[in-house]
Protein backbone atom coordinates (compact mmCIF):
# COMPACT_ATOMS: atom_id res chain seq x y z
CA UNK A 1 -0.12 -0.03 0.01
CA UNK A 2 0.96 3.42 -0.74
CA UNK A 3 1.71 5.59 2.55
CA UNK A 4 -0.68 8.84 1.76
CA UNK A 5 0.71 11.19 4.12
CA UNK A 6 -2.31 13.68 5.34
CA UNK A 7 -1.55 17.47 4.30
CA UNK A 8 -0.60 20.08 7.19
CA UNK A 9 -2.81 23.49 6.42
CA UNK A 10 0.11 26.42 6.02
CA UNK A 11 -1.65 29.79 6.23
CA UNK A 12 0.51 33.08 5.27
CA UNK A 13 -0.57 36.21 5.99
CA UNK A 14 1.36 38.35 3.78
CA UNK A 15 1.45 38.17 -0.06
CA UNK A 16 4.97 39.97 -0.45
CA UNK A 17 8.42 38.90 -1.23
CA UNK A 18 9.45 37.63 2.28
CA UNK A 19 6.29 35.35 2.27
CA UNK A 20 5.90 33.98 -0.92
CA UNK A 21 10.03 33.36 -1.40
CA UNK A 22 9.27 30.90 1.98
CA UNK A 23 6.63 29.12 0.21
CA UNK A 24 9.13 28.96 -2.87
CA UNK A 25 11.85 27.54 -0.57
CA UNK A 26 9.22 24.82 1.19
CA UNK A 27 7.89 23.72 -2.07
CA UNK A 28 11.72 22.80 -3.21
CA UNK A 29 12.11 20.82 0.27
CA UNK A 30 8.28 18.90 0.23
CA UNK A 31 5.88 20.22 -2.45
CA UNK A 32 3.41 17.64 -1.12
CA UNK A 33 3.80 18.52 2.90
CA UNK A 34 1.29 20.96 3.16
CA UNK A 35 -2.14 22.38 1.40
CA UNK A 36 -1.42 26.17 1.17
CA UNK A 37 -3.51 29.41 1.55
CA UNK A 38 -2.12 32.99 1.39
CA UNK A 39 -4.24 36.17 2.08
CA UNK A 40 -2.45 39.36 0.80
CA UNK A 41 -3.53 42.82 1.23
CA UNK A 42 -3.13 43.86 -2.43
CA UNK A 43 -4.95 42.74 -5.43
CA UNK A 44 -2.14 40.99 -7.26
CA UNK A 45 0.25 38.50 -7.43
CA UNK A 46 3.25 38.92 -5.66
CA UNK A 47 5.80 41.45 -7.31
CA UNK A 48 9.21 42.70 -6.81
CA UNK A 49 8.93 45.96 -4.50
CA UNK A 50 12.53 47.01 -4.44
CA UNK A 51 11.81 47.44 -8.21
CA UNK A 52 9.00 49.97 -7.83
CA UNK A 53 11.83 52.93 -7.93
CA UNK A 54 12.99 51.50 -11.89
CA UNK A 55 8.92 51.74 -12.40
CA UNK A 56 8.18 54.81 -11.33
CA UNK A 57 11.47 56.22 -13.44
CA UNK A 58 9.73 54.36 -16.78
CA UNK A 59 12.66 52.05 -16.74
CA UNK A 60 10.38 49.36 -16.55
CA UNK A 61 6.46 48.02 -16.38
CA UNK A 62 4.42 46.66 -13.55
CA UNK A 63 4.57 43.36 -15.80
CA UNK A 64 8.32 43.25 -16.01
CA UNK A 65 8.16 43.36 -12.20
CA UNK A 66 5.88 40.62 -11.08
CA UNK A 67 7.38 37.40 -9.73
CA UNK A 68 4.36 35.22 -9.43
CA UNK A 69 1.25 35.50 -11.38
CA UNK A 70 -2.08 34.28 -10.29
CA UNK A 71 -1.27 31.40 -12.74
CA UNK A 72 1.40 30.44 -10.49
CA UNK A 73 -0.80 29.77 -7.63
CA UNK A 74 -3.46 27.85 -9.55
CA UNK A 75 -0.32 25.46 -10.72
CA UNK A 76 0.81 24.73 -7.19
CA UNK A 77 -2.48 24.01 -5.81
CA UNK A 78 -2.04 27.09 -3.85
CA UNK A 79 -5.58 29.03 -2.38
CA UNK A 80 -5.16 32.98 -3.18
CA UNK A 81 -6.95 35.21 -1.23
CA UNK A 82 -5.45 38.77 -3.10
CA UNK A 83 -7.23 41.85 -1.49
CA UNK A 84 -8.35 40.28 1.28
CA UNK A 85 -6.05 40.90 4.37
CA UNK A 86 -6.77 38.82 7.29
CA UNK A 87 -7.93 40.59 10.32
CA UNK A 88 -8.30 38.26 12.83
CA UNK A 89 -5.85 35.15 14.35
CA UNK A 90 -7.93 32.84 16.92
CA UNK A 91 -4.84 31.18 18.15
CA UNK A 92 -6.76 29.13 20.40
CA UNK A 93 -8.86 27.35 17.80
CA UNK A 94 -6.14 28.07 15.07
CA UNK A 95 -8.31 29.75 12.39
CA UNK A 96 -7.63 32.64 10.88
CA UNK A 97 -10.51 35.25 9.49
CA UNK A 98 -10.29 37.65 6.43
CA UNK A 99 -11.68 41.37 6.02
CA UNK A 100 -14.02 39.43 3.60
CA UNK A 101 -15.33 37.16 6.08
CA UNK A 102 -12.97 33.94 5.11
CA UNK A 103 -12.41 31.58 7.96
CA UNK A 104 -9.31 29.25 7.01
CA UNK A 105 -7.98 26.91 9.65
CA UNK A 106 -4.14 26.22 9.69
CA UNK A 107 -1.91 24.05 11.39
CA UNK A 108 1.02 26.13 11.00
CA UNK A 109 0.86 29.79 10.34
CA UNK A 110 3.03 32.08 8.22
CA UNK A 111 2.96 36.25 9.25
CA UNK A 112 4.76 38.01 6.86
CA UNK A 113 2.54 41.36 6.72
CA UNK A 114 5.99 43.51 6.21
CA UNK A 115 5.87 47.18 7.04
CA UNK A 116 4.05 50.15 6.94
CA UNK A 117 5.65 53.87 5.67
CA UNK A 118 5.92 56.42 8.20
CA UNK A 119 3.40 59.44 7.39
CA UNK A 120 4.19 62.45 9.41
CA UNK A 121 1.25 63.31 11.81
CA UNK A 122 1.24 67.14 10.47
CA UNK A 123 -1.76 69.11 9.25
CA UNK A 124 -2.98 68.28 6.27
CA UNK A 125 -1.31 64.57 6.00
CA UNK A 126 -4.34 63.36 4.31
CA UNK A 127 -4.85 65.61 1.60
CA UNK A 128 -5.61 64.36 -1.84
CA UNK A 129 -2.15 64.73 -3.38
CA UNK A 130 -0.18 63.33 -0.47
CA UNK A 131 0.97 59.72 -0.70
CA UNK A 132 3.80 56.97 0.35
CA UNK A 133 5.87 55.25 -1.83
CA UNK A 134 5.11 51.79 -1.09
CA UNK A 135 2.99 49.98 -3.89
CA UNK A 136 2.03 49.74 -6.94
CA UNK A 137 -1.14 52.02 -6.26
CA UNK A 138 1.28 54.53 -4.66
CA UNK A 139 3.26 54.19 -8.17
CA UNK A 140 0.68 54.90 -10.14
CA UNK A 141 -0.98 57.80 -8.11
CA UNK A 142 2.43 59.29 -8.90
CA UNK A 143 2.68 58.87 -12.48
CA UNK A 144 -1.06 60.06 -12.96
CA UNK A 145 -0.12 63.38 -11.20
CA UNK A 146 2.79 63.55 -12.94
CA UNK A 147 0.48 63.69 -16.22
CA UNK A 148 -1.23 66.97 -14.85
CA UNK A 149 1.06 68.88 -12.25
CA UNK A 150 4.78 69.94 -12.34
CA UNK A 151 5.96 70.10 -9.02
CA UNK A 152 6.43 67.60 -6.28
CA UNK A 153 8.31 67.89 -2.69
CA UNK A 154 9.41 64.20 -0.98
CA UNK A 155 9.85 64.11 2.58
CA UNK A 156 12.49 61.63 3.26
CA UNK A 157 16.53 61.78 1.82
CA UNK A 158 17.08 58.21 2.58
CA UNK A 159 17.54 55.35 -0.24
CA UNK A 160 13.54 55.51 -0.69
CA UNK A 161 13.30 59.04 -1.20
CA UNK A 162 16.34 59.88 -3.74
CA UNK A 163 14.84 56.86 -5.64
CA UNK A 164 11.47 58.22 -5.63
CA UNK A 165 12.53 61.78 -6.17
CA UNK A 166 14.88 60.42 -9.35
CA UNK A 167 11.94 58.76 -10.60
CA UNK A 168 9.46 61.76 -10.50
CA UNK A 169 12.34 63.87 -12.19
CA UNK A 170 12.36 61.44 -14.96
CA UNK A 171 8.61 62.28 -15.48
CA UNK A 172 9.30 65.78 -15.72
CA UNK A 173 8.49 67.28 -11.94
CA UNK A 174 10.70 70.20 -10.23
CA UNK A 175 11.44 68.00 -7.33
CA UNK A 176 12.47 69.05 -4.27
CA UNK A 177 13.92 66.50 -1.76
CA UNK A 178 13.18 67.72 2.41
CA UNK A 179 15.62 65.91 4.86
CA UNK A 180 15.34 66.46 8.50
CA UNK A 181 19.42 65.85 8.77
CA UNK A 182 22.28 67.54 7.54
CA UNK A 183 23.63 64.88 5.03
CA UNK A 184 21.51 62.30 2.80
CA UNK A 185 21.41 58.60 3.61
CA UNK A 186 22.89 59.09 7.09
CA UNK A 187 22.21 55.27 7.85
CA UNK A 188 24.33 54.45 4.99
CA UNK A 189 26.85 56.98 4.01
CA UNK A 190 29.69 58.97 5.64
CA UNK A 191 29.21 62.81 5.13
CA UNK A 192 31.66 62.72 2.06
CA UNK A 193 30.27 60.56 0.12
CA UNK A 194 26.53 62.21 0.90
CA UNK A 195 28.24 65.05 -0.52
CA UNK A 196 29.45 63.82 -3.34
CA UNK A 197 25.53 62.51 -3.93
CA UNK A 198 23.69 65.80 -3.11
CA UNK A 199 26.29 67.09 -5.80
CA UNK A 200 25.48 64.65 -8.47
CA UNK A 201 21.40 64.52 -8.02
CA UNK A 202 21.49 68.68 -7.98
CA UNK A 203 23.44 68.49 -11.15
CA UNK A 204 20.55 66.74 -12.35
CA UNK A 205 17.96 69.21 -11.54
CA UNK A 206 16.87 67.63 -7.65
CA UNK A 207 16.71 70.75 -5.44
CA UNK A 208 17.85 69.85 -1.86
CA UNK A 209 16.32 71.35 1.65
CA UNK A 210 18.57 69.92 4.33
CA UNK A 211 18.06 70.00 8.45
CA UNK A 212 14.18 71.46 7.42
CA UNK A 213 11.28 70.11 9.93
CA UNK A 214 7.65 69.96 8.13
CA UNK A 215 5.29 71.23 10.37
CA UNK A 216 1.93 71.59 8.19
CA UNK A 217 1.10 70.53 4.58
CA UNK A 218 -1.26 73.23 3.07
CA UNK A 219 -4.02 72.94 0.69
CA UNK A 220 -7.95 73.30 1.08
CA UNK A 221 -9.41 70.24 -1.56
CA UNK A 222 -5.85 69.43 -2.07
CA UNK A 223 -2.28 69.61 -1.73
CA UNK A 224 -0.74 73.27 -2.85
CA UNK A 225 2.38 73.71 -0.25
CA UNK A 226 4.27 72.90 2.56
CA UNK A 227 5.60 74.66 5.82
CA UNK A 228 8.23 74.17 7.79
CA UNK A 229 9.81 74.69 11.46
CA UNK A 230 11.58 78.00 10.61
CA UNK A 231 8.55 79.69 8.63
CA UNK A 232 9.75 78.79 4.82
CA UNK A 233 6.94 77.73 2.42
CA UNK A 234 7.32 75.54 -0.66
CA UNK A 235 4.55 75.36 -3.42
CA UNK A 236 3.56 71.52 -4.58
CA UNK A 237 1.09 69.69 -6.25
CA UNK A 238 2.32 66.64 -4.69
CA UNK A 239 4.05 65.53 -1.52
CA UNK A 240 5.68 62.04 -1.29
CA UNK A 241 6.28 60.65 2.43
CA UNK A 242 9.42 58.82 2.22
CA UNK A 243 10.53 59.02 5.98
CA UNK A 244 10.97 55.45 7.06
CA UNK A 245 8.89 52.28 7.17
CA UNK A 246 7.17 50.78 10.62
CA UNK A 247 6.92 46.91 10.85
CA UNK A 248 3.38 45.95 10.55
CA UNK A 249 2.74 44.29 13.42
CA UNK A 250 -1.08 45.38 14.66
CA UNK A 251 -2.64 41.87 14.04
CA UNK A 252 0.18 40.03 15.85
CA UNK A 253 0.29 42.43 18.68
CA UNK A 254 -4.05 41.81 19.01
CA UNK A 255 -3.69 38.07 19.13
CA UNK A 256 -0.93 37.81 21.92
CA UNK A 257 2.30 37.24 20.04
CA UNK A 258 5.35 39.04 22.10
CA UNK A 259 6.58 42.08 19.92
CA UNK A 260 9.00 44.81 20.82
CA UNK A 261 9.65 46.49 17.57
CA UNK A 262 8.52 43.85 15.96
CA UNK A 263 7.76 40.34 16.05
CA UNK A 264 10.07 38.58 18.12
CA UNK A 265 11.61 35.45 16.54
CA UNK A 266 14.18 32.96 17.45
CA UNK A 267 16.84 31.52 15.53
CA UNK A 268 14.45 29.05 13.39
CA UNK A 269 12.16 32.35 12.76
CA UNK A 270 9.50 30.72 15.18
CA UNK A 271 7.79 33.17 17.66
CA UNK A 272 8.50 33.31 21.28
CA UNK A 273 4.96 32.76 21.75
CA UNK A 274 3.49 29.93 20.23
CA UNK A 275 5.20 27.19 18.23
CA UNK A 276 2.80 26.79 15.74
CA UNK A 277 3.33 30.56 14.14
CA UNK A 278 6.42 31.90 12.17
CA UNK A 279 7.31 34.83 10.96
CA UNK A 280 10.00 36.68 8.04
CA UNK A 281 10.87 39.67 6.52
CA UNK A 282 10.25 43.69 7.48
CA UNK A 283 7.70 42.77 10.43
CA UNK A 284 10.23 40.43 12.18
CA UNK A 285 12.80 41.38 15.14
CA UNK A 286 15.83 38.57 15.47
CA UNK A 287 18.47 39.37 17.97
CA UNK A 288 17.46 42.80 18.65
CA UNK A 289 17.71 44.01 14.88
CA UNK A 290 15.10 44.72 12.27
CA UNK A 291 15.87 44.51 8.64
CA UNK A 292 14.26 46.38 5.50
CA UNK A 293 16.55 45.12 2.65
CA UNK A 294 15.95 42.18 0.36
CA UNK A 295 19.13 39.78 1.29
CA UNK A 296 17.98 39.52 5.17
CA UNK A 297 14.41 38.44 4.00
CA UNK A 298 16.14 35.65 1.44
CA UNK A 299 18.30 34.33 4.31
CA UNK A 300 15.42 34.08 6.67
CA UNK A 301 13.10 32.49 4.16
CA UNK A 302 15.29 29.94 3.70
CA UNK A 303 15.72 28.66 6.97
CA UNK A 304 11.89 29.39 8.03
CA UNK A 305 10.82 26.90 5.23
CA UNK A 306 13.29 24.11 6.21
CA UNK A 307 11.99 23.92 9.89
CA UNK A 308 8.41 24.09 7.97
CA UNK A 309 9.53 21.39 6.00
CA UNK A 310 10.59 19.41 9.25
CA UNK A 311 14.38 19.61 8.67
CA UNK A 312 15.21 21.55 11.59
CA UNK A 313 19.18 21.64 10.73
CA UNK A 314 19.11 25.34 9.53
CA UNK A 315 19.64 28.56 11.89
CA UNK A 316 19.31 31.96 11.23
CA UNK A 317 21.97 34.44 12.59
CA UNK A 318 21.29 37.66 11.46
CA UNK A 319 22.64 39.44 8.54
CA UNK A 320 25.41 41.81 7.42
CA UNK A 321 23.70 44.16 4.96
CA UNK A 322 24.23 46.05 1.79
CA UNK A 323 23.00 49.09 -0.19
CA UNK A 324 22.96 50.11 -3.42
CA UNK A 325 21.04 53.04 -5.20
CA UNK A 326 18.65 52.30 -7.45
CA UNK A 327 19.15 55.46 -9.96
CA UNK A 328 20.92 54.95 -13.21
CA UNK A 329 24.21 56.93 -13.66
CA UNK A 330 25.23 57.18 -9.83
CA UNK A 331 27.04 54.38 -8.14
CA UNK A 332 27.54 53.73 -4.87
CA UNK A 333 27.66 50.82 -1.82
CA UNK A 334 27.35 50.69 1.60
CA UNK A 335 27.68 47.76 4.06
CA UNK A 336 28.38 47.08 7.78
CA UNK A 337 29.22 50.02 10.47
CA UNK A 338 30.42 52.49 7.99
CA UNK A 339 31.26 54.87 11.28
CA UNK A 340 33.53 53.05 13.14
CA UNK A 341 34.42 53.67 16.95
CA UNK A 342 37.54 54.15 18.82
CA UNK A 343 38.47 50.53 18.34
CA UNK A 344 38.72 51.33 14.42
CA UNK A 345 40.96 52.29 11.42
CA UNK A 346 39.69 54.49 8.36
CA UNK A 347 41.63 53.50 5.30
CA UNK A 348 40.42 56.02 2.72
CA UNK A 349 40.62 56.84 -1.22
CA UNK A 350 39.49 60.20 -2.38
CA UNK A 351 39.74 61.19 -6.17
CA UNK A 352 37.20 64.34 -6.75
CA UNK A 353 38.58 64.37 -10.36
CA UNK A 354 37.17 61.09 -11.38
CA UNK A 355 34.12 61.44 -8.55
CA UNK A 356 35.55 58.73 -6.79
CA UNK A 357 35.55 58.27 -2.64
CA UNK A 358 36.26 54.68 -1.07
CA UNK A 359 36.46 54.11 2.95
CA UNK A 360 37.08 50.78 4.65
CA UNK A 361 37.05 50.36 7.97
CA UNK A 362 38.92 47.74 9.80
CA UNK A 363 38.89 46.34 13.27
CA UNK A 364 42.10 44.65 14.11
CA UNK A 365 42.70 42.58 10.55
CA UNK A 366 38.93 42.39 9.56
CA UNK A 367 36.88 44.69 7.39
CA UNK A 368 33.63 45.88 9.30
CA UNK A 369 32.42 48.47 7.07
CA UNK A 370 32.70 49.98 3.57
CA UNK A 371 31.02 52.71 2.07
CA UNK A 372 31.96 53.12 -1.79
CA UNK A 373 30.82 55.74 -4.09
CA UNK A 374 31.35 56.53 -8.11
CA UNK A 375 33.69 53.29 -8.22
CA UNK A 376 31.67 50.25 -6.52
CA UNK A 377 32.31 46.64 -8.95
CA UNK A 378 34.60 45.35 -5.82
CA UNK A 379 31.65 46.47 -3.49
CA UNK A 380 30.47 42.33 -3.02
CA UNK A 381 34.06 41.25 -2.89
CA UNK A 382 34.59 43.61 0.28
CA UNK A 383 31.35 42.05 1.52
CA UNK A 384 32.27 38.61 1.61
CA UNK A 385 35.45 39.63 3.26
CA UNK A 386 33.41 41.39 6.18
CA UNK A 387 31.07 38.74 6.23
CA UNK A 388 33.92 35.93 6.73
CA UNK A 389 36.14 38.13 8.75
CA UNK A 390 39.10 37.14 6.73
CA UNK A 391 42.37 38.59 7.33
CA UNK A 392 42.91 41.28 5.21
CA UNK A 393 46.33 41.55 6.63
CA UNK A 394 48.69 40.71 3.58
CA UNK A 395 46.79 42.84 1.51
CA UNK A 396 46.08 46.20 3.34
CA UNK A 397 48.40 47.82 1.30
CA UNK A 398 46.64 47.41 -1.72
CA UNK A 399 43.02 47.04 0.02
CA UNK A 400 41.72 50.03 -1.66
CA UNK A 401 42.11 49.22 -4.87
CA UNK A 402 40.32 46.63 -4.86
CA UNK A 403 40.15 42.29 -5.66
CA UNK A 404 42.17 42.45 -8.61
CA UNK A 405 45.34 44.42 -7.11
CA UNK A 406 45.11 42.25 -3.86
CA UNK A 407 44.91 38.92 -5.44
CA UNK A 408 47.95 39.88 -7.04
CA UNK A 409 49.76 40.87 -4.01
CA UNK A 410 48.95 37.66 -2.04
CA UNK A 411 49.66 35.26 -4.68
CA UNK A 412 52.98 34.97 -4.60
CA UNK A 413 52.61 34.47 -0.58
CA UNK A 414 50.10 31.81 -1.06
CA UNK A 415 53.12 30.09 -3.95
């Protein structure tokens, strides 16, 4: 007789990149172990959210960034409830309830609710013409506005804000970036690299208001301007909130899961409160860290899928993250601890004429951080050296010149 296993029921809350990558990895381990139901807030299949910036800039279409269309779910026997987010988790009965009233029982539950854009709660933030930059709907709203209006203000000089500003400018809008700090991308770049970046973006026509705190968004029926703490006002037809994200954990909190900044998980991506419930992605806090970049999400997905499949040999130790700006013609790379401390040393190369800046932060004989601007081809190599704690002493004199020079320098030593 054939040994036919009854399928367990896995419910996935969140149809984004982290949740669906976990499902893809799980299907590789064992495509028959689970009957899978997916709930998503957006009325689409799964798409690559990090490529929304090229869509806004006109370099890609919505179709180009789709990862899993509806046929993908159907072909794998996955029940997809798109445009119908879960609003309740009954942990005692092990049932989730959606906004449209769909009840689905689960044996295992995966929460991948991602994050929400931070909207500055100033007067006027709910006016028409004030949008976030988080999903396909936001991009479509910005593209529609760019066809009929001329001026835009982007609040936030971080990675997302600058990609948004570049996209709006590519659509013919006059764009002002408003940033509360004194340098751009302060979480990824030191000040010399940030200054080079700002100069390059200004050469493209972007305007910047630094150390500017927003106090009010002006307008009656639609946004017409923005006011700052020092009394300045800027006229605008569009305000984009790109001032950061917050883990989307309201649902997890409402069912009693342990949350701090996000849903707290262990090294298997299992929640601390309920062994039947796992969580991955931007809604997760692991060893006090919350990640908003795609590489850690992929690492989490592989480990979580292994444990859902009953293969408990993997552990998630945390991630060393790197950042690249998706603006055509501007190259920058940042990874690790680029600030340093009293125990670190800086190796710095500046070539203003070529627009090249490199800073490698070293502790002992290992790299702990890197900032590259203008010449980023060795960024992945520096990241590998950092992740693997490679002893860089033999190549230190040539480290700033990149992998090719370093390998040539240490080859005689290895012979």
